[in-house]
Amino acid sequence: MLYRLDSVDAYEQRLVKQIEVASIQVRDSHNKAYIKLKEVKSANGLKVRIEFDEQLKGKIKRKTQWVKQGDDLYSLSGGRELYEGYIINDIY
């Protein structure tokens, strides 16, 4: 036999004085550099497909693109200052 006591049941049985939920959710926070590896290909030299934020006409959106060694994310992202100095150095 298994008994389950969740927070609401504990409150109703007066085992706890109160239930407090504190949380913060930040959506579409584009204040930090975002890079996610999606795929790696080794045909004709190594290249990777990454997802990053692009600035286009004053709006930020997620973009997926193939990159290779030497590509500059600053220029690929539409000149977003967060990616300044982010250059693909090594793929291995």
PDB file of N, CA and C in Angstrom:
ATOM      1  N   MET A   1       0.840  -1.162   0.000  1.00  0.00           N
ATOM      2  CA  MET A   1       0.000   0.000   0.000  1.00  0.00           C
ATOM      3  C   MET A   1       0.897   1.240   0.000  1.00  0.00           C
ATOM      4  N   LEU A   2       0.488   2.234  -0.748  1.00  0.00           N
ATOM      5  CA  LEU A   2       1.279   3.443  -0.895  1.00  0.00           C
ATOM      6  C   LEU A   2       0.403   4.643  -0.577  1.00  0.00           C
ATOM      7  N   TYR A   3       0.896   5.537   0.259  1.00  0.00           N
ATOM      8  CA  TYR A   3       0.187   6.765   0.599  1.00  0.00           C
ATOM      9  C   TYR A   3       0.929   7.939  -0.026  1.00  0.00           C
ATOM     10  N   ARG A   4       0.158   8.880  -0.508  1.00  0.00           N
ATOM     11  CA  ARG A   4       0.763  10.053  -1.113  1.00  0.00           C
ATOM     12  C   ARG A   4       0.222  11.290  -0.419  1.00  0.00           C
ATOM     13  N   LEU A   5       1.123  12.164  -0.012  1.00  0.00           N
ATOM     14  CA  LEU A   5       0.746  13.403   0.658  1.00  0.00           C
ATOM     15  C   LEU A   5       1.419  14.552  -0.088  1.00  0.00           C
ATOM     16  N   ASP A   6       0.624  15.297  -0.856  1.00  0.00           N
ATOM     17  CA  ASP A   6       1.200  16.440  -1.549  1.00  0.00           C
ATOM     18  C   ASP A   6       1.037  17.694  -0.684  1.00  0.00           C
ATOM     19  N   SER A   7       1.481  18.814  -1.179  1.00  0.00           N
ATOM     20  CA  SER A   7       1.490  20.035  -0.375  1.00  0.00           C
ATOM     21  C   SER A   7       0.080  20.511  -0.025  1.00  0.00           C
ATOM     22  N   VAL A   8      -0.862  20.356  -0.931  1.00  0.00           N
ATOM     23  CA  VAL A   8      -2.235  20.784  -0.652  1.00  0.00           C
ATOM     24  C   VAL A   8      -2.861  19.897   0.422  1.00  0.00           C
ATOM     25  N   ASP A   9      -2.650  18.583   0.322  1.00  0.00           N
ATOM     26  CA  ASP A   9      -3.173  17.669   1.342  1.00  0.00           C
ATOM     27  C   ASP A   9      -2.561  17.970   2.715  1.00  0.00           C
ATOM     28  N   ALA A  10      -1.279  18.270   2.743  1.00  0.00           N
ATOM     29  CA  ALA A  10      -0.614  18.594   4.014  1.00  0.00           C
ATOM     30  C   ALA A  10      -1.209  19.861   4.621  1.00  0.00           C
ATOM     31  N   TYR A  11      -1.527  20.842   3.786  1.00  0.00           N
ATOM     32  CA  TYR A  11      -2.139  22.074   4.281  1.00  0.00           C
ATOM     33  C   TYR A  11      -3.547  21.810   4.814  1.00  0.00           C
ATOM     34  N   GLU A  12      -4.327  21.035   4.072  1.00  0.00           N
ATOM     35  CA  GLU A  12      -5.698  20.738   4.488  1.00  0.00           C
ATOM     36  C   GLU A  12      -5.740  19.922   5.785  1.00  0.00           C
ATOM     37  N   GLN A  13      -4.734  19.100   6.016  1.00  0.00           N
ATOM     38  CA  GLN A  13      -4.671  18.310   7.257  1.00  0.00           C
ATOM     39  C   GLN A  13      -3.970  19.083   8.380  1.00  0.00           C
ATOM     40  N   ARG A  14      -3.672  20.348   8.120  1.00  0.00           N
ATOM     41  CA  ARG A  14      -3.044  21.245   9.086  1.00  0.00           C
ATOM     42  C   ARG A  14      -1.683  20.737   9.569  1.00  0.00           C
ATOM     43  N   LEU A  15      -0.946  20.096   8.665  1.00  0.00           N
ATOM     44  CA  LEU A  15       0.404  19.650   8.983  1.00  0.00           C
ATOM     45  C   LEU A  15       1.430  20.750   8.712  1.00  0.00           C
ATOM     46  N   VAL A  16       1.066  21.690   7.859  1.00  0.00           N
ATOM     47  CA  VAL A  16       1.914  22.852   7.567  1.00  0.00           C
ATOM     48  C   VAL A  16       1.058  24.104   7.719  1.00  0.00           C
ATOM     49  N   LYS A  17       1.699  25.237   8.009  1.00  0.00           N
ATOM     50  CA  LYS A  17       0.955  26.475   8.229  1.00  0.00           C
ATOM     51  C   LYS A  17       0.561  27.165   6.932  1.00  0.00           C
ATOM     52  N   GLN A  18       1.448  27.130   5.954  1.00  0.00           N
ATOM     53  CA  GLN A  18       1.139  27.784   4.687  1.00  0.00           C
ATOM     54  C   GLN A  18       1.966  27.176   3.566  1.00  0.00           C
ATOM     55  N   ILE A  19       1.527  27.430   2.362  1.00  0.00           N
ATOM     56  CA  ILE A  19       2.246  26.996   1.164  1.00  0.00           C
ATOM     57  C   ILE A  19       2.665  28.257   0.433  1.00  0.00           C
ATOM     58  N   GLU A  20       3.930  28.329   0.100  1.00  0.00           N
ATOM     59  CA  GLU A  20       4.439  29.498  -0.600  1.00  0.00           C
ATOM     60  C   GLU A  20       5.200  29.036  -1.826  1.00  0.00           C
ATOM     61  N   VAL A  21       4.877  29.624  -2.957  1.00  0.00           N
ATOM     62  CA  VAL A  21       5.551  29.297  -4.210  1.00  0.00           C
ATOM     63  C   VAL A  21       6.226  30.559  -4.708  1.00  0.00           C
ATOM     64  N   ALA A  22       7.521  30.484  -4.870  1.00  0.00           N
ATOM     65  CA  ALA A  22       8.279  31.620  -5.381  1.00  0.00           C
ATOM     66  C   ALA A  22       9.044  31.169  -6.607  1.00  0.00           C
ATOM     67  N   SER A  23       8.762  31.797  -7.710  1.00  0.00           N
ATOM     68  CA  SER A  23       9.486  31.450  -8.930  1.00  0.00           C
ATOM     69  C   SER A  23       9.520  32.640  -9.864  1.00  0.00           C
ATOM     70  N   ILE A  24      10.548  32.661 -10.653  1.00  0.00           N
ATOM     71  CA  ILE A  24      10.702  33.690 -11.676  1.00  0.00           C
ATOM     72  C   ILE A  24      11.021  32.983 -12.980  1.00  0.00           C
ATOM     73  N   GLN A  25      10.306  33.332 -13.999  1.00  0.00           N
ATOM     74  CA  GLN A  25      10.577  32.774 -15.322  1.00  0.00           C
ATOM     75  C   GLN A  25      10.850  33.924 -16.270  1.00  0.00           C
ATOM     76  N   VAL A  26      11.994  33.869 -16.916  1.00  0.00           N
ATOM     77  CA  VAL A  26      12.363  34.891 -17.869  1.00  0.00           C
ATOM     78  C   VAL A  26      12.251  34.280 -19.257  1.00  0.00           C
ATOM     79  N   ARG A  27      11.430  34.898 -20.056  1.00  0.00           N
ATOM     80  CA  ARG A  27      11.248  34.398 -21.418  1.00  0.00           C
ATOM     81  C   ARG A  27      11.935  35.340 -22.394  1.00  0.00           C
ATOM     82  N   ASP A  28      12.471  34.767 -23.447  1.00  0.00           N
ATOM     83  CA  ASP A  28      13.104  35.540 -24.511  1.00  0.00           C
ATOM     84  C   ASP A  28      14.159  36.488 -23.967  1.00  0.00           C
ATOM     85  N   SER A  29      14.994  35.987 -23.072  1.00  0.00           N
ATOM     86  CA  SER A  29      16.084  36.780 -22.538  1.00  0.00           C
ATOM     87  C   SER A  29      17.233  36.746 -23.536  1.00  0.00           C
ATOM     88  N   HIS A  30      17.400  37.817 -24.261  1.00  0.00           N
ATOM     89  CA  HIS A  30      18.430  37.874 -25.297  1.00  0.00           C
ATOM     90  C   HIS A  30      19.592  38.753 -24.866  1.00  0.00           C
ATOM     91  N   ASN A  31      19.850  38.810 -23.556  1.00  0.00           N
ATOM     92  CA  ASN A  31      20.919  39.645 -23.044  1.00  0.00           C
ATOM     93  C   ASN A  31      22.233  38.902 -22.886  1.00  0.00           C
ATOM     94  N   LYS A  32      22.243  37.605 -23.178  1.00  0.00           N
ATOM     95  CA  LYS A  32      23.459  36.813 -23.113  1.00  0.00           C
ATOM     96  C   LYS A  32      23.650  36.107 -24.449  1.00  0.00           C
ATOM     97  N   ALA A  33      24.889  35.821 -24.768  1.00  0.00           N
ATOM     98  CA  ALA A  33      25.177  35.120 -26.015  1.00  0.00           C
ATOM     99  C   ALA A  33      24.637  33.692 -25.933  1.00  0.00           C
ATOM    100  N   TYR A  34      23.882  33.284 -26.925  1.00  0.00           N
ATOM    101  CA  TYR A  34      23.277  31.955 -26.974  1.00  0.00           C
ATOM    102  C   TYR A  34      23.845  31.217 -28.180  1.00  0.00           C
ATOM    103  N   ILE A  35      24.425  30.043 -27.934  1.00  0.00           N
ATOM    104  CA  ILE A  35      24.956  29.197 -29.007  1.00  0.00           C
ATOM    105  C   ILE A  35      24.615  27.753 -28.654  1.00  0.00           C
ATOM    106  N   LYS A  36      24.023  27.031 -29.590  1.00  0.00           N
ATOM    107  CA  LYS A  36      23.667  25.636 -29.363  1.00  0.00           C
ATOM    108  C   LYS A  36      24.129  24.810 -30.555  1.00  0.00           C
ATOM    109  N   LEU A  37      24.891  23.750 -30.292  1.00  0.00           N
ATOM    110  CA  LEU A  37      25.362  22.843 -31.331  1.00  0.00           C
ATOM    111  C   LEU A  37      24.212  21.943 -31.765  1.00  0.00           C
ATOM    112  N   LYS A  38      23.933  21.912 -33.066  1.00  0.00           N
ATOM    113  CA  LYS A  38      22.830  21.112 -33.583  1.00  0.00           C
ATOM    114  C   LYS A  38      23.306  19.872 -34.340  1.00  0.00           C
ATOM    115  N   GLU A  39      24.397  20.015 -35.133  1.00  0.00           N
ATOM    116  CA  GLU A  39      24.829  18.906 -35.988  1.00  0.00           C
ATOM    117  C   GLU A  39      26.288  19.104 -36.392  1.00  0.00           C
ATOM    118  N   VAL A  40      26.981  17.996 -36.643  1.00  0.00           N
ATOM    119  CA  VAL A  40      28.378  18.039 -37.092  1.00  0.00           C
ATOM    120  C   VAL A  40      28.494  17.200 -38.354  1.00  0.00           C
ATOM    121  N   LYS A  41      29.191  17.734 -39.379  1.00  0.00           N
ATOM    122  CA  LYS A  41      29.447  16.989 -40.612  1.00  0.00           C
ATOM    123  C   LYS A  41      30.945  16.981 -40.875  1.00  0.00           C
ATOM    124  N   SER A  42      31.417  15.856 -41.387  1.00  0.00           N
ATOM    125  CA  SER A  42      32.847  15.756 -41.660  1.00  0.00           C
ATOM    126  C   SER A  42      33.151  15.650 -43.152  1.00  0.00           C
ATOM    127  N   ALA A  43      32.147  15.696 -44.006  1.00  0.00           N
ATOM    128  CA  ALA A  43      32.377  15.645 -45.454  1.00  0.00           C
ATOM    129  C   ALA A  43      33.004  16.963 -45.910  1.00  0.00           C
ATOM    130  N   ASN A  44      34.100  16.876 -46.672  1.00  0.00           N
ATOM    131  CA  ASN A  44      34.818  18.058 -47.178  1.00  0.00           C
ATOM    132  C   ASN A  44      35.254  18.996 -46.049  1.00  0.00           C
ATOM    133  N   GLY A  45      35.829  18.444 -45.019  1.00  0.00           N
ATOM    134  CA  GLY A  45      36.273  19.243 -43.873  1.00  0.00           C
ATOM    135  C   GLY A  45      35.160  19.358 -42.845  1.00  0.00           C
ATOM    136  N   LEU A  46      35.532  19.542 -41.611  1.00  0.00           N
ATOM    137  CA  LEU A  46      34.544  19.615 -40.547  1.00  0.00           C
ATOM    138  C   LEU A  46      33.777  20.929 -40.589  1.00  0.00           C
ATOM    139  N   LYS A  47      32.479  20.806 -40.433  1.00  0.00           N
ATOM    140  CA  LYS A  47      31.642  21.984 -40.255  1.00  0.00           C
ATOM    141  C   LYS A  47      30.492  21.602 -39.339  1.00  0.00           C
ATOM    142  N   VAL A  48      29.939  22.602 -38.669  1.00  0.00           N
ATOM    143  CA  VAL A  48      28.885  22.359 -37.694  1.00  0.00           C
ATOM    144  C   VAL A  48      27.691  23.264 -37.982  1.00  0.00           C
ATOM    145  N   ARG A  49      26.550  22.776 -37.567  1.00  0.00           N
ATOM    146  CA  ARG A  49      25.341  23.595 -37.652  1.00  0.00           C
ATOM    147  C   ARG A  49      25.020  24.036 -36.232  1.00  0.00           C
ATOM    148  N   ILE A  50      24.944  25.344 -36.038  1.00  0.00           N
ATOM    149  CA  ILE A  50      24.670  25.893 -34.716  1.00  0.00           C
ATOM    150  C   ILE A  50      23.408  26.754 -34.769  1.00  0.00           C
ATOM    151  N   GLU A  51      22.855  26.958 -33.587  1.00  0.00           N
ATOM    152  CA  GLU A  51      21.712  27.845 -33.431  1.00  0.00           C
ATOM    153  C   GLU A  51      22.177  29.015 -32.578  1.00  0.00           C
ATOM    154  N   PHE A  52      21.867  30.224 -33.008  1.00  0.00           N
ATOM    155  CA  PHE A  52      22.265  31.423 -32.279  1.00  0.00           C
ATOM    156  C   PHE A  52      21.245  32.517 -32.540  1.00  0.00           C
ATOM    157  N   ASP A  53      21.361  33.608 -31.806  1.00  0.00           N
ATOM    158  CA  ASP A  53      20.441  34.738 -31.957  1.00  0.00           C
ATOM    159  C   ASP A  53      20.948  35.682 -33.030  1.00  0.00           C
ATOM    160  N   GLU A  54      20.028  36.114 -33.883  1.00  0.00           N
ATOM    161  CA  GLU A  54      20.366  37.045 -34.956  1.00  0.00           C
ATOM    162  C   GLU A  54      19.545  38.313 -34.775  1.00  0.00           C
ATOM    163  N   GLN A  55      20.176  39.438 -35.039  1.00  0.00           N
ATOM    164  CA  GLN A  55      19.470  40.718 -34.985  1.00  0.00           C
ATOM    165  C   GLN A  55      19.125  41.115 -36.405  1.00  0.00           C
ATOM    166  N   LEU A  56      17.829  41.260 -36.667  1.00  0.00           N
ATOM    167  CA  LEU A  56      17.364  41.583 -38.008  1.00  0.00           C
ATOM    168  C   LEU A  56      16.268  42.631 -37.898  1.00  0.00           C
ATOM    169  N   LYS A  57      16.516  43.790 -38.436  1.00  0.00           N
ATOM    170  CA  LYS A  57      15.570  44.906 -38.415  1.00  0.00           C
ATOM    171  C   LYS A  57      15.124  45.256 -36.994  1.00  0.00           C
ATOM    172  N   GLY A  58      16.073  45.261 -36.067  1.00  0.00           N
ATOM    173  CA  GLY A  58      15.792  45.646 -34.697  1.00  0.00           C
ATOM    174  C   GLY A  58      15.160  44.575 -33.834  1.00  0.00           C
ATOM    175  N   LYS A  59      14.931  43.401 -34.388  1.00  0.00           N
ATOM    176  CA  LYS A  59      14.332  42.306 -33.620  1.00  0.00           C
ATOM    177  C   LYS A  59      15.324  41.162 -33.521  1.00  0.00           C
ATOM    178  N   ILE A  60      15.225  40.395 -32.427  1.00  0.00           N
ATOM    179  CA  ILE A  60      16.098  39.254 -32.192  1.00  0.00           C
ATOM    180  C   ILE A  60      15.312  37.978 -32.467  1.00  0.00           C
ATOM    181  N   LYS A  61      15.905  37.074 -33.260  1.00  0.00           N
ATOM    182  CA  LYS A  61      15.267  35.783 -33.503  1.00  0.00           C
ATOM    183  C   LYS A  61      16.337  34.705 -33.563  1.00  0.00           C
ATOM    184  N   ARG A  62      15.942  33.473 -33.310  1.00  0.00           N
ATOM    185  CA  ARG A  62      16.865  32.337 -33.353  1.00  0.00           C
ATOM    186  C   ARG A  62      17.105  31.930 -34.804  1.00  0.00           C
ATOM    187  N   LYS A  63      18.362  31.662 -35.104  1.00  0.00           N
ATOM    188  CA  LYS A  63      18.757  31.305 -36.455  1.00  0.00           C
ATOM    189  C   LYS A  63      19.621  30.055 -36.390  1.00  0.00           C
ATOM    190  N   THR A  64      19.448  29.147 -37.333  1.00  0.00           N
ATOM    191  CA  THR A  64      20.279  27.952 -37.444  1.00  0.00           C
ATOM    192  C   THR A  64      21.068  28.054 -38.736  1.00  0.00           C
ATOM    193  N   GLN A  65      22.388  27.851 -38.638  1.00  0.00           N
ATOM    194  CA  GLN A  65      23.248  28.028 -39.809  1.00  0.00           C
ATOM    195  C   GLN A  65      24.469  27.127 -39.711  1.00  0.00           C
ATOM    196  N   TRP A  66      24.945  26.677 -40.883  1.00  0.00           N
ATOM    197  CA  TRP A  66      26.187  25.910 -40.955  1.00  0.00           C
ATOM    198  C   TRP A  66      27.357  26.883 -40.853  1.00  0.00           C
ATOM    199  N   VAL A  67      28.345  26.555 -40.019  1.00  0.00           N
ATOM    200  CA  VAL A  67      29.543  27.381 -39.879  1.00  0.00           C
ATOM    201  C   VAL A  67      30.777  26.485 -39.985  1.00  0.00           C
ATOM    202  N   LYS A  68      31.885  27.111 -40.335  1.00  0.00           N
ATOM    203  CA  LYS A  68      33.153  26.385 -40.445  1.00  0.00           C
ATOM    204  C   LYS A  68      34.220  27.174 -39.696  1.00  0.00           C
ATOM    205  N   GLN A  69      35.390  26.615 -39.632  1.00  0.00           N
ATOM    206  CA  GLN A  69      36.492  27.259 -38.929  1.00  0.00           C
ATOM    207  C   GLN A  69      36.780  28.626 -39.540  1.00  0.00           C
ATOM    208  N   GLY A  70      36.910  29.628 -38.676  1.00  0.00           N
ATOM    209  CA  GLY A  70      37.213  30.986 -39.119  1.00  0.00           C
ATOM    210  C   GLY A  70      35.990  31.881 -39.245  1.00  0.00           C
ATOM    211  N   ASP A  71      34.776  31.326 -39.179  1.00  0.00           N
ATOM    212  CA  ASP A  71      33.575  32.151 -39.279  1.00  0.00           C
ATOM    213  C   ASP A  71      33.418  33.032 -38.039  1.00  0.00           C
ATOM    214  N   ASP A  72      32.956  34.250 -38.252  1.00  0.00           N
ATOM    215  CA  ASP A  72      32.776  35.229 -37.187  1.00  0.00           C
ATOM    216  C   ASP A  72      31.288  35.346 -36.849  1.00  0.00           C
ATOM    217  N   LEU A  73      30.922  35.001 -35.616  1.00  0.00           N
ATOM    218  CA  LEU A  73      29.515  35.059 -35.223  1.00  0.00           C
ATOM    219  C   LEU A  73      28.998  36.489 -35.124  1.00  0.00           C
ATOM    220  N   TYR A  74      29.885  37.428 -34.933  1.00  0.00           N
ATOM    221  CA  TYR A  74      29.467  38.832 -34.888  1.00  0.00           C
ATOM    222  C   TYR A  74      28.853  39.241 -36.216  1.00  0.00           C
ATOM    223  N   SER A  75      29.503  38.910 -37.304  1.00  0.00           N
ATOM    224  CA  SER A  75      28.965  39.284 -38.614  1.00  0.00           C
ATOM    225  C   SER A  75      27.777  38.407 -39.009  1.00  0.00           C
ATOM    226  N   LEU A  76      27.798  37.127 -38.613  1.00  0.00           N
ATOM    227  CA  LEU A  76      26.682  36.236 -38.945  1.00  0.00           C
ATOM    228  C   LEU A  76      25.411  36.592 -38.180  1.00  0.00           C
ATOM    229  N   SER A  77      25.566  37.210 -37.016  1.00  0.00           N
ATOM    230  CA  SER A  77      24.405  37.543 -36.188  1.00  0.00           C
ATOM    231  C   SER A  77      23.826  38.917 -36.502  1.00  0.00           C
ATOM    232  N   GLY A  78      24.306  39.547 -37.542  1.00  0.00           N
ATOM    233  CA  GLY A  78      23.789  40.865 -37.896  1.00  0.00           C
ATOM    234  C   GLY A  78      24.419  41.984 -37.094  1.00  0.00           C
ATOM    235  N   GLY A  79      25.599  41.736 -36.543  1.00  0.00           N
ATOM    236  CA  GLY A  79      26.315  42.761 -35.794  1.00  0.00           C
ATOM    237  C   GLY A  79      25.900  42.886 -34.342  1.00  0.00           C
ATOM    238  N   ARG A  80      25.404  41.805 -33.750  1.00  0.00           N
ATOM    239  CA  ARG A  80      25.051  41.846 -32.327  1.00  0.00           C
ATOM    240  C   ARG A  80      26.322  41.955 -31.505  1.00  0.00           C
ATOM    241  N   GLU A  81      26.393  42.950 -30.641  1.00  0.00           N
ATOM    242  CA  GLU A  81      27.588  43.203 -29.847  1.00  0.00           C
ATOM    243  C   GLU A  81      27.925  42.056 -28.903  1.00  0.00           C
ATOM    244  N   LEU A  82      26.927  41.261 -28.519  1.00  0.00           N
ATOM    245  CA  LEU A  82      27.172  40.128 -27.617  1.00  0.00           C
ATOM    246  C   LEU A  82      28.107  39.096 -28.239  1.00  0.00           C
ATOM    247  N   TYR A  83      28.100  39.000 -29.559  1.00  0.00           N
ATOM    248  CA  TYR A  83      28.922  38.007 -30.257  1.00  0.00           C
ATOM    249  C   TYR A  83      30.256  38.581 -30.752  1.00  0.00           C
ATOM    250  N   GLU A  84      30.584  39.794 -30.359  1.00  0.00           N
ATOM    251  CA  GLU A  84      31.847  40.388 -30.796  1.00  0.00           C
ATOM    252  C   GLU A  84      33.010  39.595 -30.221  1.00  0.00           C
ATOM    253  N   GLY A  85      33.898  39.132 -31.082  1.00  0.00           N
ATOM    254  CA  GLY A  85      35.035  38.322 -30.665  1.00  0.00           C
ATOM    255  C   GLY A  85      34.755  36.826 -30.683  1.00  0.00           C
ATOM    256  N   TYR A  86      33.536  36.418 -31.018  1.00  0.00           N
ATOM    257  CA  TYR A  86      33.189  34.996 -31.097  1.00  0.00           C
ATOM    258  C   TYR A  86      33.520  34.504 -32.509  1.00  0.00           C
ATOM    259  N   ILE A  87      34.650  33.856 -32.624  1.00  0.00           N
ATOM    260  CA  ILE A  87      35.118  33.309 -33.908  1.00  0.00           C
ATOM    261  C   ILE A  87      35.320  31.827 -33.749  1.00  0.00           C
ATOM    262  N   ILE A  88      34.849  31.053 -34.712  1.00  0.00           N
ATOM    263  CA  ILE A  88      34.996  29.594 -34.663  1.00  0.00           C
ATOM    264  C   ILE A  88      36.468  29.287 -34.902  1.00  0.00           C
ATOM    265  N   ASN A  89      37.175  28.841 -33.853  1.00  0.00           N
ATOM    266  CA  ASN A  89      38.607  28.555 -33.957  1.00  0.00           C
ATOM    267  C   ASN A  89      38.883  27.102 -34.298  1.00  0.00           C
ATOM    268  N   ASP A  90      38.333  26.198 -33.526  1.00  0.00           N
ATOM    269  CA  ASP A  90      38.621  24.772 -33.717  1.00  0.00           C
ATOM    270  C   ASP A  90      37.326  23.973 -33.739  1.00  0.00           C
ATOM    271  N   ILE A  91      37.270  23.032 -34.662  1.00  0.00           N
ATOM    272  CA  ILE A  91      36.181  22.054 -34.707  1.00  0.00           C
ATOM    273  C   ILE A  91      36.857  20.700 -34.714  1.00  0.00           C
ATOM    274  N   TYR A  92      36.578  19.920 -33.700  1.00  0.00           N
ATOM    275  CA  TYR A  92      37.188  18.594 -33.640  1.00  0.00           C
ATOM    276  C   TYR A  92      36.252  17.615 -32.979  1.00  0.00           C
TER     277      TYR A  92
END
